[in-house]
């Protein structure tokens, strides 16, 4: 039976490949993430088809960032598709605009704190203020919650810090950068296992390559769910 705490990142080239993956995973996965890489390959149409015809939950990972009026208009347009999660950058003006655009729908706005593929050297190159990444992520998360975000995207390494914030009560923490034990890191630099992520207070984990590159994606997904249900995933916060 599917556990919707597992979100499979559909990082495949187009909707045909996406439907093939869904078919191979069957009832072992109920929640899919569709991102920018799929947008020109029929991503929005696939999102709608999976939601309406297959009963799947959909996380649209667009990481929107623009002036408030543009973000609000974009989110209002996306909200009509009855999807579940949408990412925007965690800057307060962006989060507020996205929440305005999502008003009246069930679409949850998730704020990106700092991308899990980045480390301190990357932040320095982008002129992001000095400081420990975990501190910056926690502060950005708190500001995003204050601006109305329904949840945040953060690495599993910062999840416990975010979960401990007073503002995080009742909010979601969704975590990419999750790799089963023994899996390759890929382009992620701040990672944890599924059990560690859940133990740190994460609500949903996002896993891509370790599932869709597996010779048996369904078995790979089921193994991750088993790990999330293991004693090592027990969290005193949940």
Protein backbone atom coordinates (compact mmCIF):
# COMPACT_ATOMS: atom_id res chain seq x y z
CA UNK A 1 0.00 0.00 0.00
CA UNK A 2 1.32 3.47 -0.86
CA UNK A 3 2.59 5.82 1.84
CA UNK A 4 2.12 9.41 0.69
CA UNK A 5 5.05 10.58 2.78
CA UNK A 6 7.12 9.31 -0.16
CA UNK A 7 7.03 11.66 -3.14
CA UNK A 8 8.69 10.35 -6.29
CA UNK A 9 10.48 13.01 -8.34
CA UNK A 10 9.52 12.40 -11.95
CA UNK A 11 12.79 13.61 -13.44
CA UNK A 12 12.17 11.95 -16.79
CA UNK A 13 12.23 13.65 -20.21
CA UNK A 14 8.54 13.75 -21.11
CA UNK A 15 4.99 12.71 -20.27
CA UNK A 16 5.28 9.38 -22.11
CA UNK A 17 8.24 8.35 -19.93
CA UNK A 18 6.37 9.68 -16.91
CA UNK A 19 3.31 7.54 -17.57
CA UNK A 20 5.55 4.52 -18.08
CA UNK A 21 7.15 5.13 -14.67
CA UNK A 22 3.73 5.49 -13.02
CA UNK A 23 2.66 2.23 -14.62
CA UNK A 24 5.79 0.44 -13.35
CA UNK A 25 5.32 1.81 -9.82
CA UNK A 26 1.60 0.99 -9.73
CA UNK A 27 -0.04 1.26 -6.33
CA UNK A 28 3.30 1.47 -4.48
CA UNK A 29 3.44 5.26 -4.99
CA UNK A 30 0.63 7.79 -4.57
CA UNK A 31 2.48 11.13 -4.77
CA UNK A 32 4.59 12.51 -7.63
CA UNK A 33 6.72 15.63 -8.10
CA UNK A 34 6.79 17.25 -11.54
CA UNK A 35 9.36 19.98 -12.02
CA UNK A 36 10.70 22.48 -14.52
CA UNK A 37 12.61 19.84 -16.44
CA UNK A 38 9.29 18.26 -17.45
CA UNK A 39 7.50 21.51 -18.26
CA UNK A 40 8.27 21.46 -21.99
CA UNK A 41 7.69 17.70 -22.13
CA UNK A 42 4.01 17.87 -21.25
CA UNK A 43 4.47 18.24 -17.50
CA UNK A 44 1.31 20.24 -16.77
CA UNK A 45 -0.83 17.93 -18.85
CA UNK A 46 0.71 14.91 -17.13
CA UNK A 47 0.09 16.46 -13.71
CA UNK A 48 -3.57 16.94 -14.55
CA UNK A 49 -3.91 13.41 -15.98
CA UNK A 50 -2.29 11.78 -12.94
CA UNK A 51 -4.51 13.77 -10.59
CA UNK A 52 -7.82 13.40 -12.40
CA UNK A 53 -7.54 9.95 -13.98
CA UNK A 54 -5.13 8.07 -11.72
CA UNK A 55 -6.02 9.57 -8.34
CA UNK A 56 -2.42 10.56 -7.58
CA UNK A 57 -1.34 13.53 -5.49
CA UNK A 58 0.82 16.04 -7.35
CA UNK A 59 3.63 18.31 -6.22
CA UNK A 60 4.37 20.93 -8.89
CA UNK A 61 7.97 22.04 -8.34
CA UNK A 62 8.18 25.34 -10.19
CA UNK A 63 10.21 27.38 -7.65
CA UNK A 64 8.50 30.56 -8.79
CA UNK A 65 10.29 33.87 -8.25
CA UNK A 66 9.18 37.22 -9.66
CA UNK A 67 7.46 40.44 -8.67
CA UNK A 68 4.40 39.91 -6.53
CA UNK A 69 1.75 40.57 -9.19
CA UNK A 70 3.32 38.08 -11.58
CA UNK A 71 3.66 35.36 -8.93
CA UNK A 72 0.06 35.88 -7.84
CA UNK A 73 -1.20 35.59 -11.44
CA UNK A 74 0.89 32.48 -12.12
CA UNK A 75 -0.29 30.73 -8.96
CA UNK A 76 -3.92 31.63 -9.63
CA UNK A 77 -3.60 29.97 -13.02
CA UNK A 78 -1.96 26.85 -11.60
CA UNK A 79 -4.46 26.59 -8.74
CA UNK A 80 -7.26 25.80 -11.18
CA UNK A 81 -5.71 22.37 -11.83
CA UNK A 82 -6.55 21.12 -8.31
CA UNK A 83 -2.98 20.08 -7.56
CA UNK A 84 -1.56 19.57 -4.06
CA UNK A 85 1.79 21.33 -3.56
CA UNK A 86 3.54 24.18 -5.39
CA UNK A 87 7.00 25.57 -4.67
CA UNK A 88 7.99 29.22 -4.70
CA UNK A 89 11.17 30.86 -3.47
CA UNK A 90 10.99 31.61 0.24
CA UNK A 91 11.33 35.39 0.02
CA UNK A 92 8.41 36.84 2.02
CA UNK A 93 7.03 38.99 -0.83
CA UNK A 94 6.92 35.92 -3.09
CA UNK A 95 5.22 33.75 -0.46
CA UNK A 96 2.57 36.39 0.27
CA UNK A 97 1.78 36.80 -3.43
CA UNK A 98 1.58 33.03 -3.94
CA UNK A 99 -0.85 32.67 -1.05
CA UNK A 100 -3.04 35.36 -2.60
CA UNK A 101 -3.00 33.47 -5.89
CA UNK A 102 -3.88 30.17 -4.20
CA UNK A 103 -6.77 31.65 -2.19
CA UNK A 104 -9.93 29.58 -2.45
CA UNK A 105 -8.08 26.44 -3.55
CA UNK A 106 -6.53 23.49 -1.73
CA UNK A 107 -3.09 24.19 -3.24
CA UNK A 108 -0.42 24.33 -0.54
CA UNK A 109 2.43 26.80 -1.02
CA UNK A 110 5.85 25.46 -0.08
CA UNK A 111 8.74 27.88 0.28
CA UNK A 112 12.25 27.00 -0.88
CA UNK A 113 14.75 27.98 1.80
CA UNK A 114 18.18 27.18 0.31
CA UNK A 115 18.49 24.61 -2.48
CA UNK A 116 19.84 21.30 -1.21
CA UNK A 117 22.37 21.19 -4.07
CA UNK A 118 24.16 24.26 -2.64
CA UNK A 119 26.91 24.55 -0.05
CA UNK A 120 28.57 27.56 1.58
CA UNK A 121 30.92 28.13 -1.38
CA UNK A 122 27.91 28.36 -3.68
CA UNK A 123 26.24 30.89 -1.39
CA UNK A 124 29.41 32.99 -1.26
CA UNK A 125 29.52 33.03 -5.07
CA UNK A 126 25.92 34.29 -5.08
CA UNK A 127 26.66 37.05 -2.53
CA UNK A 128 24.39 35.45 0.09
CA UNK A 129 25.19 36.81 3.55
CA UNK A 130 27.80 34.97 5.63
CA UNK A 131 26.74 32.39 8.16
CA UNK A 132 26.12 28.72 8.72
CA UNK A 133 23.71 27.22 6.19
CA UNK A 134 21.57 25.63 8.91
CA UNK A 135 21.14 29.02 10.61
CA UNK A 136 20.22 30.74 7.35
CA UNK A 137 17.76 27.99 6.40
CA UNK A 138 16.04 28.15 9.79
CA UNK A 139 15.75 31.94 9.59
CA UNK A 140 14.41 31.85 6.02
CA UNK A 141 11.93 29.15 7.03
CA UNK A 142 10.65 31.24 9.93
CA UNK A 143 10.20 34.28 7.70
CA UNK A 144 8.40 32.20 5.07
CA UNK A 145 6.03 30.81 7.72
CA UNK A 146 5.35 34.34 8.96
CA UNK A 147 4.49 35.30 5.36
CA UNK A 148 1.92 32.48 5.23
CA UNK A 149 3.76 29.51 3.71
CA UNK A 150 2.01 26.18 4.27
CA UNK A 151 5.39 24.49 4.44
CA UNK A 152 9.03 24.66 3.43
CA UNK A 153 11.49 22.73 1.33
CA UNK A 154 14.68 22.05 3.25
CA UNK A 155 17.43 19.48 3.47
CA UNK A 156 17.05 16.73 6.07
CA UNK A 157 20.04 18.19 7.89
CA UNK A 158 18.06 21.31 8.79
CA UNK A 159 14.66 19.68 9.34
CA UNK A 160 14.98 19.26 13.10
CA UNK A 161 15.92 22.94 13.49
CA UNK A 162 12.92 23.99 11.43
CA UNK A 163 10.53 21.63 13.21
CA UNK A 164 11.59 23.20 16.52
CA UNK A 165 10.55 26.71 15.40
CA UNK A 166 7.34 27.97 17.06
CA UNK A 167 6.17 29.13 13.60
CA UNK A 168 6.50 25.57 12.26
CA UNK A 169 3.58 24.25 14.28
CA UNK A 170 1.10 22.70 11.85
CA UNK A 171 3.30 23.44 8.82
CA UNK A 172 4.85 20.97 6.40
CA UNK A 173 8.51 20.14 5.93
CA UNK A 174 9.25 18.51 2.57
CA UNK A 175 12.73 17.20 2.00
CA UNK A 176 14.69 16.46 -1.18
CA UNK A 177 18.26 15.26 -0.83
CA UNK A 178 17.10 11.92 0.59
CA UNK A 179 19.13 8.89 -0.44
CA UNK A 180 18.63 5.30 0.74
CA UNK A 181 21.70 3.82 2.43
CA UNK A 182 24.32 3.00 -0.21
CA UNK A 183 22.81 5.18 -2.95
CA UNK A 184 24.89 7.67 -4.94
CA UNK A 185 24.73 11.31 -3.85
CA UNK A 186 24.16 12.60 -7.42
CA UNK A 187 24.02 16.43 -7.46
CA UNK A 188 22.92 16.74 -3.83
CA UNK A 189 25.38 17.97 -1.22
CA UNK A 190 23.27 17.90 1.95
CA UNK A 191 21.66 14.47 2.26
CA UNK A 192 20.22 11.94 4.74
CA UNK A 193 18.54 8.55 4.66
CA UNK A 194 14.73 8.23 4.64
CA UNK A 195 14.69 7.05 8.26
CA UNK A 196 16.85 9.96 9.42
CA UNK A 197 14.68 12.47 7.58
CA UNK A 198 11.47 11.18 9.15
CA UNK A 199 13.11 11.06 12.59
CA UNK A 200 14.04 14.73 12.17
CA UNK A 201 10.41 15.75 11.78
CA UNK A 202 10.02 15.70 7.99
CA UNK A 203 6.47 15.19 6.64
CA UNK A 204 7.36 14.14 3.09
CA UNK A 205 10.59 12.97 1.47
CA UNK A 206 11.31 13.43 -2.24
CA UNK A 207 13.27 10.68 -3.97
CA UNK A 208 14.12 10.57 -7.68
CA UNK A 209 17.10 8.74 -9.15
CA UNK A 210 17.28 5.88 -6.61
CA UNK A 211 13.77 4.90 -7.74
CA UNK A 212 13.46 5.70 -11.43
CA UNK A 213 17.00 4.56 -12.28
CA UNK A 214 16.51 1.27 -10.44
CA UNK A 215 16.06 -1.91 -12.51
CA UNK A 216 12.99 -2.49 -10.33
CA UNK A 217 11.50 0.90 -9.40
CA UNK A 218 8.58 -0.62 -7.50
CA UNK A 219 10.88 -2.65 -5.25
CA UNK A 220 13.04 0.43 -4.69
CA UNK A 221 10.00 2.49 -3.66
CA UNK A 222 8.74 -0.25 -1.35
CA UNK A 223 12.17 -0.49 0.32
CA UNK A 224 12.13 3.25 1.02
CA UNK A 225 8.64 3.03 2.53
CA UNK A 226 9.83 0.15 4.71
CA UNK A 227 12.72 2.29 5.90
CA UNK A 228 10.33 5.14 6.76
CA UNK A 229 8.32 2.71 8.86
CA UNK A 230 11.38 1.30 10.65
CA UNK A 231 12.18 1.96 14.35
CA UNK A 232 15.05 4.24 13.24
CA UNK A 233 12.45 6.64 11.80
CA UNK A 234 10.70 7.12 15.13
CA UNK A 235 10.58 10.78 16.05
CA UNK A 236 9.65 12.21 19.45
CA UNK A 237 8.13 15.17 17.57
CA UNK A 238 5.54 13.08 15.74
